[in-house]
Amino acid sequence: MTRRQQVLYLWMDGASLDDAVIAWAFHDGTAGAGPPPPGGPAHVEPPYVTGVGALEDGWMLMQSAQLIPPAPGHEHTNSYLEYEFVFERRVDVS
């Protein structure tokens, strides 16, 4: 058995893990040999409703969102999704 890492990015509607997931990305270091996230890797809907759901399913939180206020005058400028949380799990593959 070999251990490989899977990484799940969840972008929330706010700064809390209880907030709704609005976007997501899944990166599979097992090349498809490990378990997919709920709904499968090609699923259109987010695999979890909130970040807490990922924790409850065994994902480990690696990084939470940095709370950086927008520069004055740029409060309504479109940019990257602010509330990014990064999760990982390690799985055994043969």
PDB file of N, CA and C in Angstrom:
ATOM      1  N   MET A   1       0.830  -1.194   0.000  1.00  0.00           N
ATOM      2  CA  MET A   1       0.000   0.000   0.000  1.00  0.00           C
ATOM      3  C   MET A   1       0.878   1.263   0.000  1.00  0.00           C
ATOM      4  N   THR A   2       0.409   2.256  -0.703  1.00  0.00           N
ATOM      5  CA  THR A   2       1.066   3.547  -0.765  1.00  0.00           C
ATOM      6  C   THR A   2       0.078   4.611  -0.315  1.00  0.00           C
ATOM      7  N   ARG A   3       0.543   5.576   0.466  1.00  0.00           N
ATOM      8  CA  ARG A   3      -0.336   6.672   0.898  1.00  0.00           C
ATOM      9  C   ARG A   3      -0.188   7.846  -0.073  1.00  0.00           C
ATOM     10  N   ARG A   4      -1.331   8.378  -0.467  1.00  0.00           N
ATOM     11  CA  ARG A   4      -1.366   9.531  -1.370  1.00  0.00           C
ATOM     12  C   ARG A   4      -2.283  10.603  -0.781  1.00  0.00           C
ATOM     13  N   GLN A   5      -2.073  11.815  -1.201  1.00  0.00           N
ATOM     14  CA  GLN A   5      -2.838  12.949  -0.702  1.00  0.00           C
ATOM     15  C   GLN A   5      -3.916  13.360  -1.696  1.00  0.00           C
ATOM     16  N   GLN A   6      -5.079  13.715  -1.148  1.00  0.00           N
ATOM     17  CA  GLN A   6      -6.144  14.346  -1.913  1.00  0.00           C
ATOM     18  C   GLN A   6      -6.394  15.713  -1.281  1.00  0.00           C
ATOM     19  N   VAL A   7      -6.602  16.720  -2.114  1.00  0.00           N
ATOM     20  CA  VAL A   7      -6.790  18.088  -1.635  1.00  0.00           C
ATOM     21  C   VAL A   7      -8.135  18.607  -2.127  1.00  0.00           C
ATOM     22  N   LEU A   8      -8.873  19.228  -1.229  1.00  0.00           N
ATOM     23  CA  LEU A   8     -10.187  19.779  -1.533  1.00  0.00           C
ATOM     24  C   LEU A   8     -10.200  21.254  -1.153  1.00  0.00           C
ATOM     25  N   TYR A   9     -10.470  22.118  -2.130  1.00  0.00           N
ATOM     26  CA  TYR A   9     -10.631  23.547  -1.887  1.00  0.00           C
ATOM     27  C   TYR A   9     -12.121  23.833  -1.816  1.00  0.00           C
ATOM     28  N   LEU A  10     -12.536  24.521  -0.768  1.00  0.00           N
ATOM     29  CA  LEU A  10     -13.916  24.974  -0.651  1.00  0.00           C
ATOM     30  C   LEU A  10     -13.904  26.487  -0.458  1.00  0.00           C
ATOM     31  N   TRP A  11     -14.662  27.190  -1.284  1.00  0.00           N
ATOM     32  CA  TRP A  11     -14.836  28.625  -1.130  1.00  0.00           C
ATOM     33  C   TRP A  11     -16.214  28.852  -0.539  1.00  0.00           C
ATOM     34  N   MET A  12     -16.254  29.576   0.579  1.00  0.00           N
ATOM     35  CA  MET A  12     -17.496  29.797   1.313  1.00  0.00           C
ATOM     36  C   MET A  12     -18.093  31.160   0.983  1.00  0.00           C
ATOM     37  N   ASP A  13     -19.345  31.285   1.360  1.00  0.00           N
ATOM     38  CA  ASP A  13     -20.068  32.540   1.206  1.00  0.00           C
ATOM     39  C   ASP A  13     -19.635  33.571   2.258  1.00  0.00           C
ATOM     40  N   GLY A  14     -18.910  33.124   3.275  1.00  0.00           N
ATOM     41  CA  GLY A  14     -18.428  34.000   4.344  1.00  0.00           C
ATOM     42  C   GLY A  14     -17.186  33.402   4.972  1.00  0.00           C
ATOM     43  N   ALA A  15     -16.761  33.961   6.090  1.00  0.00           N
ATOM     44  CA  ALA A  15     -15.501  33.595   6.721  1.00  0.00           C
ATOM     45  C   ALA A  15     -15.584  32.383   7.643  1.00  0.00           C
ATOM     46  N   SER A  16     -16.746  31.792   7.801  1.00  0.00           N
ATOM     47  CA  SER A  16     -16.921  30.687   8.742  1.00  0.00           C
ATOM     48  C   SER A  16     -17.064  29.350   8.024  1.00  0.00           C
ATOM     49  N   LEU A  17     -16.607  28.286   8.668  1.00  0.00           N
ATOM     50  CA  LEU A  17     -16.808  26.942   8.107  1.00  0.00           C
ATOM     51  C   LEU A  17     -18.279  26.551   8.078  1.00  0.00           C
ATOM     52  N   ASP A  18     -19.113  27.285   8.815  1.00  0.00           N
ATOM     53  CA  ASP A  18     -20.559  27.038   8.809  1.00  0.00           C
ATOM     54  C   ASP A  18     -21.258  27.693   7.622  1.00  0.00           C
ATOM     55  N   ASP A  19     -20.572  28.581   6.912  1.00  0.00           N
ATOM     56  CA  ASP A  19     -21.181  29.266   5.776  1.00  0.00           C
ATOM     57  C   ASP A  19     -21.311  28.324   4.582  1.00  0.00           C
ATOM     58  N   ALA A  20     -22.167  28.687   3.651  1.00  0.00           N
ATOM     59  CA  ALA A  20     -22.442  27.844   2.483  1.00  0.00           C
ATOM     60  C   ALA A  20     -21.257  27.800   1.521  1.00  0.00           C
ATOM     61  N   VAL A  21     -21.021  26.635   0.941  1.00  0.00           N
ATOM     62  CA  VAL A  21     -19.992  26.462  -0.085  1.00  0.00           C
ATOM     63  C   VAL A  21     -20.533  27.032  -1.399  1.00  0.00           C
ATOM     64  N   ILE A  22     -19.753  27.914  -2.045  1.00  0.00           N
ATOM     65  CA  ILE A  22     -20.192  28.509  -3.306  1.00  0.00           C
ATOM     66  C   ILE A  22     -19.357  28.049  -4.497  1.00  0.00           C
ATOM     67  N   ALA A  23     -18.166  27.479  -4.219  1.00  0.00           N
ATOM     68  CA  ALA A  23     -17.305  26.962  -5.289  1.00  0.00           C
ATOM     69  C   ALA A  23     -16.373  25.923  -4.678  1.00  0.00           C
ATOM     70  N   TRP A  24     -15.836  25.057  -5.542  1.00  0.00           N
ATOM     71  CA  TRP A  24     -14.955  24.010  -5.026  1.00  0.00           C
ATOM     72  C   TRP A  24     -14.036  23.500  -6.114  1.00  0.00           C
ATOM     73  N   ALA A  25     -12.937  22.875  -5.682  1.00  0.00           N
ATOM     74  CA  ALA A  25     -11.997  22.208  -6.591  1.00  0.00           C
ATOM     75  C   ALA A  25     -11.425  21.004  -5.849  1.00  0.00           C
ATOM     76  N   PHE A  26     -11.195  19.919  -6.585  1.00  0.00           N
ATOM     77  CA  PHE A  26     -10.671  18.683  -6.013  1.00  0.00           C
ATOM     78  C   PHE A  26      -9.435  18.276  -6.795  1.00  0.00           C
ATOM     79  N   HIS A  27      -8.355  17.970  -6.082  1.00  0.00           N
ATOM     80  CA  HIS A  27      -7.107  17.537  -6.711  1.00  0.00           C
ATOM     81  C   HIS A  27      -6.738  16.183  -6.122  1.00  0.00           C
ATOM     82  N   ASP A  28      -6.560  15.209  -6.983  1.00  0.00           N
ATOM     83  CA  ASP A  28      -6.402  13.826  -6.566  1.00  0.00           C
ATOM     84  C   ASP A  28      -4.996  13.316  -6.833  1.00  0.00           C
ATOM     85  N   GLY A  29      -4.208  13.185  -5.782  1.00  0.00           N
ATOM     86  CA  GLY A  29      -2.857  12.654  -5.903  1.00  0.00           C
ATOM     87  C   GLY A  29      -2.807  11.153  -6.092  1.00  0.00           C
ATOM     88  N   THR A  30      -3.994  10.512  -6.116  1.00  0.00           N
ATOM     89  CA  THR A  30      -4.031   9.056  -6.318  1.00  0.00           C
ATOM     90  C   THR A  30      -4.236   8.689  -7.774  1.00  0.00           C
ATOM     91  N   ALA A  31      -4.351   9.671  -8.656  1.00  0.00           N
ATOM     92  CA  ALA A  31      -4.622   9.440 -10.081  1.00  0.00           C
ATOM     93  C   ALA A  31      -5.886   8.619 -10.285  1.00  0.00           C
ATOM     94  N   GLY A  32      -6.898   8.867  -9.435  1.00  0.00           N
ATOM     95  CA  GLY A  32      -8.181   8.187  -9.574  1.00  0.00           C
ATOM     96  C   GLY A  32      -8.294   6.868  -8.828  1.00  0.00           C
ATOM     97  N   ALA A  33      -7.225   6.428  -8.158  1.00  0.00           N
ATOM     98  CA  ALA A  33      -7.260   5.153  -7.440  1.00  0.00           C
ATOM     99  C   ALA A  33      -7.897   5.291  -6.057  1.00  0.00           C
ATOM    100  N   GLY A  34      -7.979   6.505  -5.535  1.00  0.00           N
ATOM    101  CA  GLY A  34      -8.561   6.737  -4.215  1.00  0.00           C
ATOM    102  C   GLY A  34     -10.031   7.078  -4.313  1.00  0.00           C
ATOM    103  N   PRO A  35     -10.679   7.251  -3.167  1.00  0.00           N
ATOM    104  CA  PRO A  35     -12.104   7.586  -3.175  1.00  0.00           C
ATOM    105  C   PRO A  35     -12.340   9.007  -3.691  1.00  0.00           C
ATOM    106  N   PRO A  36     -13.396   9.213  -4.466  1.00  0.00           N
ATOM    107  CA  PRO A  36     -13.733  10.566  -4.912  1.00  0.00           C
ATOM    108  C   PRO A  36     -14.453  11.325  -3.800  1.00  0.00           C
ATOM    109  N   PRO A  37     -14.585  12.629  -3.922  1.00  0.00           N
ATOM    110  CA  PRO A  37     -15.418  13.357  -2.958  1.00  0.00           C
ATOM    111  C   PRO A  37     -16.883  12.983  -3.181  1.00  0.00           C
ATOM    112  N   PRO A  38     -17.768  13.249  -2.213  1.00  0.00           N
ATOM    113  CA  PRO A  38     -19.188  12.945  -2.418  1.00  0.00           C
ATOM    114  C   PRO A  38     -19.702  13.534  -3.726  1.00  0.00           C
ATOM    115  N   GLY A  39     -20.426  12.762  -4.484  1.00  0.00           N
ATOM    116  CA  GLY A  39     -20.943  13.205  -5.774  1.00  0.00           C
ATOM    117  C   GLY A  39     -19.997  12.913  -6.924  1.00  0.00           C
ATOM    118  N   GLY A  40     -18.781  12.491  -6.631  1.00  0.00           N
ATOM    119  CA  GLY A  40     -17.807  12.183  -7.680  1.00  0.00           C
ATOM    120  C   GLY A  40     -17.026  13.413  -8.086  1.00  0.00           C
ATOM    121  N   PRO A  41     -15.829  13.233  -8.648  1.00  0.00           N
ATOM    122  CA  PRO A  41     -14.971  14.371  -8.988  1.00  0.00           C
ATOM    123  C   PRO A  41     -15.531  15.256 -10.094  1.00  0.00           C
ATOM    124  N   ALA A  42     -16.397  14.727 -10.940  1.00  0.00           N
ATOM    125  CA  ALA A  42     -16.951  15.522 -12.039  1.00  0.00           C
ATOM    126  C   ALA A  42     -18.333  16.084 -11.690  1.00  0.00           C
ATOM    127  N   HIS A  43     -18.761  15.913 -10.454  1.00  0.00           N
ATOM    128  CA  HIS A  43     -20.083  16.382 -10.029  1.00  0.00           C
ATOM    129  C   HIS A  43     -20.129  17.900 -10.086  1.00  0.00           C
ATOM    130  N   VAL A  44     -21.241  18.453 -10.532  1.00  0.00           N
ATOM    131  CA  VAL A  44     -21.370  19.902 -10.699  1.00  0.00           C
ATOM    132  C   VAL A  44     -21.594  20.612  -9.362  1.00  0.00           C
ATOM    133  N   GLU A  45     -22.381  20.014  -8.487  1.00  0.00           N
ATOM    134  CA  GLU A  45     -22.681  20.626  -7.193  1.00  0.00           C
ATOM    135  C   GLU A  45     -21.500  20.432  -6.233  1.00  0.00           C
ATOM    136  N   PRO A  46     -21.310  21.350  -5.287  1.00  0.00           N
ATOM    137  CA  PRO A  46     -20.246  21.160  -4.296  1.00  0.00           C
ATOM    138  C   PRO A  46     -20.446  19.854  -3.530  1.00  0.00           C
ATOM    139  N   PRO A  47     -19.363  19.200  -3.131  1.00  0.00           N
ATOM    140  CA  PRO A  47     -19.489  17.929  -2.431  1.00  0.00           C
ATOM    141  C   PRO A  47     -20.030  18.076  -1.010  1.00  0.00           C
ATOM    142  N   TYR A  48     -19.969  19.270  -0.451  1.00  0.00           N
ATOM    143  CA  TYR A  48     -20.475  19.529   0.898  1.00  0.00           C
ATOM    144  C   TYR A  48     -21.241  20.845   0.898  1.00  0.00           C
ATOM    145  N   VAL A  49     -22.239  20.952   1.759  1.00  0.00           N
ATOM    146  CA  VAL A  49     -23.022  22.177   1.880  1.00  0.00           C
ATOM    147  C   VAL A  49     -22.235  23.236   2.644  1.00  0.00           C
ATOM    148  N   THR A  50     -21.458  22.793   3.637  1.00  0.00           N
ATOM    149  CA  THR A  50     -20.615  23.684   4.437  1.00  0.00           C
ATOM    150  C   THR A  50     -19.246  23.030   4.625  1.00  0.00           C
ATOM    151  N   GLY A  51     -18.298  23.793   5.125  1.00  0.00           N
ATOM    152  CA  GLY A  51     -16.991  23.241   5.444  1.00  0.00           C
ATOM    153  C   GLY A  51     -17.044  22.271   6.612  1.00  0.00           C
ATOM    154  N   VAL A  52     -17.985  22.477   7.512  1.00  0.00           N
ATOM    155  CA  VAL A  52     -18.140  21.558   8.643  1.00  0.00           C
ATOM    156  C   VAL A  52     -18.461  20.159   8.135  1.00  0.00           C
ATOM    157  N   GLY A  53     -19.225  20.066   7.060  1.00  0.00           N
ATOM    158  CA  GLY A  53     -19.538  18.763   6.470  1.00  0.00           C
ATOM    159  C   GLY A  53     -18.288  18.016   6.040  1.00  0.00           C
ATOM    160  N   ALA A  54     -17.303  18.730   5.522  1.00  0.00           N
ATOM    161  CA  ALA A  54     -16.043  18.103   5.128  1.00  0.00           C
ATOM    162  C   ALA A  54     -15.295  17.588   6.357  1.00  0.00           C
ATOM    163  N   LEU A  55     -15.286  18.384   7.429  1.00  0.00           N
ATOM    164  CA  LEU A  55     -14.644  17.943   8.667  1.00  0.00           C
ATOM    165  C   LEU A  55     -15.317  16.685   9.206  1.00  0.00           C
ATOM    166  N   GLU A  56     -16.639  16.673   9.186  1.00  0.00           N
ATOM    167  CA  GLU A  56     -17.392  15.525   9.693  1.00  0.00           C
ATOM    168  C   GLU A  56     -17.140  14.276   8.865  1.00  0.00           C
ATOM    169  N   ASP A  57     -16.758  14.466   7.602  1.00  0.00           N
ATOM    170  CA  ASP A  57     -16.489  13.329   6.708  1.00  0.00           C
ATOM    171  C   ASP A  57     -15.024  12.884   6.759  1.00  0.00           C
ATOM    172  N   GLY A  58     -14.227  13.512   7.627  1.00  0.00           N
ATOM    173  CA  GLY A  58     -12.857  13.072   7.816  1.00  0.00           C
ATOM    174  C   GLY A  58     -11.784  13.891   7.128  1.00  0.00           C
ATOM    175  N   TRP A  59     -12.155  14.941   6.414  1.00  0.00           N
ATOM    176  CA  TRP A  59     -11.159  15.806   5.797  1.00  0.00           C
ATOM    177  C   TRP A  59     -10.478  16.635   6.881  1.00  0.00           C
ATOM    178  N   MET A  60      -9.191  16.881   6.723  1.00  0.00           N
ATOM    179  CA  MET A  60      -8.410  17.669   7.670  1.00  0.00           C
ATOM    180  C   MET A  60      -8.234  19.075   7.114  1.00  0.00           C
ATOM    181  N   LEU A  61      -8.519  20.087   7.931  1.00  0.00           N
ATOM    182  CA  LEU A  61      -8.363  21.473   7.510  1.00  0.00           C
ATOM    183  C   LEU A  61      -6.888  21.839   7.522  1.00  0.00           C
ATOM    184  N   MET A  62      -6.359  22.257   6.373  1.00  0.00           N
ATOM    185  CA  MET A  62      -4.950  22.659   6.267  1.00  0.00           C
ATOM    186  C   MET A  62      -4.788  24.170   6.356  1.00  0.00           C
ATOM    187  N   GLN A  63      -5.731  24.900   5.784  1.00  0.00           N
ATOM    188  CA  GLN A  63      -5.606  26.355   5.744  1.00  0.00           C
ATOM    189  C   GLN A  63      -6.993  26.969   5.742  1.00  0.00           C
ATOM    190  N   SER A  64      -7.178  27.992   6.553  1.00  0.00           N
ATOM    191  CA  SER A  64      -8.450  28.704   6.552  1.00  0.00           C
ATOM    192  C   SER A  64      -8.267  30.059   5.881  1.00  0.00           C
ATOM    193  N   ALA A  65      -9.385  30.693   5.609  1.00  0.00           N
ATOM    194  CA  ALA A  65      -9.372  31.954   4.868  1.00  0.00           C
ATOM    195  C   ALA A  65      -8.651  33.048   5.643  1.00  0.00           C
ATOM    196  N   GLN A  66      -7.818  33.819   4.950  1.00  0.00           N
ATOM    197  CA  GLN A  66      -7.210  35.002   5.545  1.00  0.00           C
ATOM    198  C   GLN A  66      -8.203  36.140   5.431  1.00  0.00           C
ATOM    199  N   LEU A  67      -8.460  36.785   6.523  1.00  0.00           N
ATOM    200  CA  LEU A  67      -9.438  37.873   6.523  1.00  0.00           C
ATOM    201  C   LEU A  67      -8.720  39.191   6.279  1.00  0.00           C
ATOM    202  N   ILE A  68      -8.675  39.577   5.009  1.00  0.00           N
ATOM    203  CA  ILE A  68      -7.995  40.801   4.594  1.00  0.00           C
ATOM    204  C   ILE A  68      -9.057  41.768   4.067  1.00  0.00           C
ATOM    205  N   PRO A  69      -9.229  42.905   4.700  1.00  0.00           N
ATOM    206  CA  PRO A  69     -10.241  43.850   4.217  1.00  0.00           C
ATOM    207  C   PRO A  69      -9.832  44.443   2.873  1.00  0.00           C
ATOM    208  N   PRO A  70     -10.817  44.757   2.018  1.00  0.00           N
ATOM    209  CA  PRO A  70     -10.487  45.390   0.737  1.00  0.00           C
ATOM    210  C   PRO A  70      -9.923  46.791   0.960  1.00  0.00           C
ATOM    211  N   ALA A  71      -9.101  47.216   0.025  1.00  0.00           N
ATOM    212  CA  ALA A  71      -8.543  48.567   0.095  1.00  0.00           C
ATOM    213  C   ALA A  71      -9.667  49.586  -0.056  1.00  0.00           C
ATOM    214  N   PRO A  72      -9.588  50.699   0.633  1.00  0.00           N
ATOM    215  CA  PRO A  72     -10.619  51.728   0.503  1.00  0.00           C
ATOM    216  C   PRO A  72     -10.847  52.108  -0.967  1.00  0.00           C
ATOM    217  N   GLY A  73     -12.103  52.154  -1.337  1.00  0.00           N
ATOM    218  CA  GLY A  73     -12.468  52.473  -2.712  1.00  0.00           C
ATOM    219  C   GLY A  73     -12.596  51.255  -3.610  1.00  0.00           C
ATOM    220  N   HIS A  74     -12.205  50.068  -3.110  1.00  0.00           N
ATOM    221  CA  HIS A  74     -12.269  48.838  -3.899  1.00  0.00           C
ATOM    222  C   HIS A  74     -13.225  47.811  -3.297  1.00  0.00           C
ATOM    223  N   GLU A  75     -14.141  48.268  -2.473  1.00  0.00           N
ATOM    224  CA  GLU A  75     -15.057  47.360  -1.789  1.00  0.00           C
ATOM    225  C   GLU A  75     -15.946  46.577  -2.753  1.00  0.00           C
ATOM    226  N   HIS A  76     -16.194  47.123  -3.920  1.00  0.00           N
ATOM    227  CA  HIS A  76     -17.097  46.480  -4.881  1.00  0.00           C
ATOM    228  C   HIS A  76     -16.376  45.993  -6.135  1.00  0.00           C
ATOM    229  N   THR A  77     -15.066  45.933  -6.101  1.00  0.00           N
ATOM    230  CA  THR A  77     -14.282  45.451  -7.231  1.00  0.00           C
ATOM    231  C   THR A  77     -14.264  43.926  -7.224  1.00  0.00           C
ATOM    232  N   ASN A  78     -14.532  43.324  -8.385  1.00  0.00           N
ATOM    233  CA  ASN A  78     -14.466  41.865  -8.483  1.00  0.00           C
ATOM    234  C   ASN A  78     -13.023  41.411  -8.440  1.00  0.00           C
ATOM    235  N   SER A  79     -12.800  40.291  -7.790  1.00  0.00           N
ATOM    236  CA  SER A  79     -11.457  39.768  -7.635  1.00  0.00           C
ATOM    237  C   SER A  79     -11.561  38.266  -7.418  1.00  0.00           C
ATOM    238  N   TYR A  80     -10.618  37.681  -6.722  1.00  0.00           N
ATOM    239  CA  TYR A  80     -10.642  36.266  -6.395  1.00  0.00           C
ATOM    240  C   TYR A  80     -11.710  35.999  -5.333  1.00  0.00           C
ATOM    241  N   LEU A  81     -12.047  34.744  -5.138  1.00  0.00           N
ATOM    242  CA  LEU A  81     -12.987  34.377  -4.081  1.00  0.00           C
ATOM    243  C   LEU A  81     -12.240  34.419  -2.749  1.00  0.00           C
ATOM    244  N   GLU A  82     -12.732  35.214  -1.824  1.00  0.00           N
ATOM    245  CA  GLU A  82     -11.995  35.506  -0.597  1.00  0.00           C
ATOM    246  C   GLU A  82     -11.931  34.364   0.403  1.00  0.00           C
ATOM    247  N   TYR A  83     -13.014  33.680   0.614  1.00  0.00           N
ATOM    248  CA  TYR A  83     -13.137  32.770   1.747  1.00  0.00           C
ATOM    249  C   TYR A  83     -12.767  31.351   1.338  1.00  0.00           C
ATOM    250  N   GLU A  84     -11.473  31.126   1.133  1.00  0.00           N
ATOM    251  CA  GLU A  84     -10.949  29.851   0.658  1.00  0.00           C
ATOM    252  C   GLU A  84     -10.466  29.007   1.840  1.00  0.00           C
ATOM    253  N   PHE A  85     -10.942  27.771   1.897  1.00  0.00           N
ATOM    254  CA  PHE A  85     -10.509  26.812   2.896  1.00  0.00           C
ATOM    255  C   PHE A  85      -9.926  25.614   2.166  1.00  0.00           C
ATOM    256  N   VAL A  86      -8.789  25.133   2.638  1.00  0.00           N
ATOM    257  CA  VAL A  86      -8.100  24.017   1.991  1.00  0.00           C
ATOM    258  C   VAL A  86      -8.121  22.823   2.936  1.00  0.00           C
ATOM    259  N   PHE A  87      -8.607  21.686   2.431  1.00  0.00           N
ATOM    260  CA  PHE A  87      -8.694  20.451   3.200  1.00  0.00           C
ATOM    261  C   PHE A  87      -7.842  19.385   2.527  1.00  0.00           C
ATOM    262  N   GLU A  88      -7.417  18.397   3.304  1.00  0.00           N
ATOM    263  CA  GLU A  88      -6.691  17.271   2.728  1.00  0.00           C
ATOM    264  C   GLU A  88      -7.073  16.003   3.450  1.00  0.00           C
ATOM    265  N   ARG A  89      -6.919  14.913   2.731  1.00  0.00           N
ATOM    266  CA  ARG A  89      -7.002  13.598   3.359  1.00  0.00           C
ATOM    267  C   ARG A  89      -5.953  12.722   2.691  1.00  0.00           C
ATOM    268  N   ARG A  90      -5.461  11.786   3.453  1.00  0.00           N
ATOM    269  CA  ARG A  90      -4.470  10.834   2.923  1.00  0.00           C
ATOM    270  C   ARG A  90      -5.138   9.487   2.861  1.00  0.00           C
ATOM    271  N   VAL A  91      -4.992   8.861   1.702  1.00  0.00           N
ATOM    272  CA  VAL A  91      -5.657   7.575   1.480  1.00  0.00           C
ATOM    273  C   VAL A  91      -4.641   6.550   1.027  1.00  0.00           C
ATOM    274  N   ASP A  92      -4.927   5.295   1.333  1.00  0.00           N
ATOM    275  CA  ASP A  92      -4.077   4.184   0.894  1.00  0.00           C
ATOM    276  C   ASP A  92      -4.519   3.728  -0.489  1.00  0.00           C
ATOM    277  N   VAL A  93      -3.570   3.539  -1.381  1.00  0.00           N
ATOM    278  CA  VAL A  93      -3.835   2.994  -2.705  1.00  0.00           C
ATOM    279  C   VAL A  93      -2.873   1.836  -2.941  1.00  0.00           C
ATOM    280  N   SER A  94      -3.315   0.898  -3.755  1.00  0.00           N
ATOM    281  CA  SER A  94      -2.429  -0.251  -4.022  1.00  0.00           C
ATOM    282  C   SER A  94      -1.758  -0.129  -5.362  1.00  0.00           C
TER     283      SER A  94
END
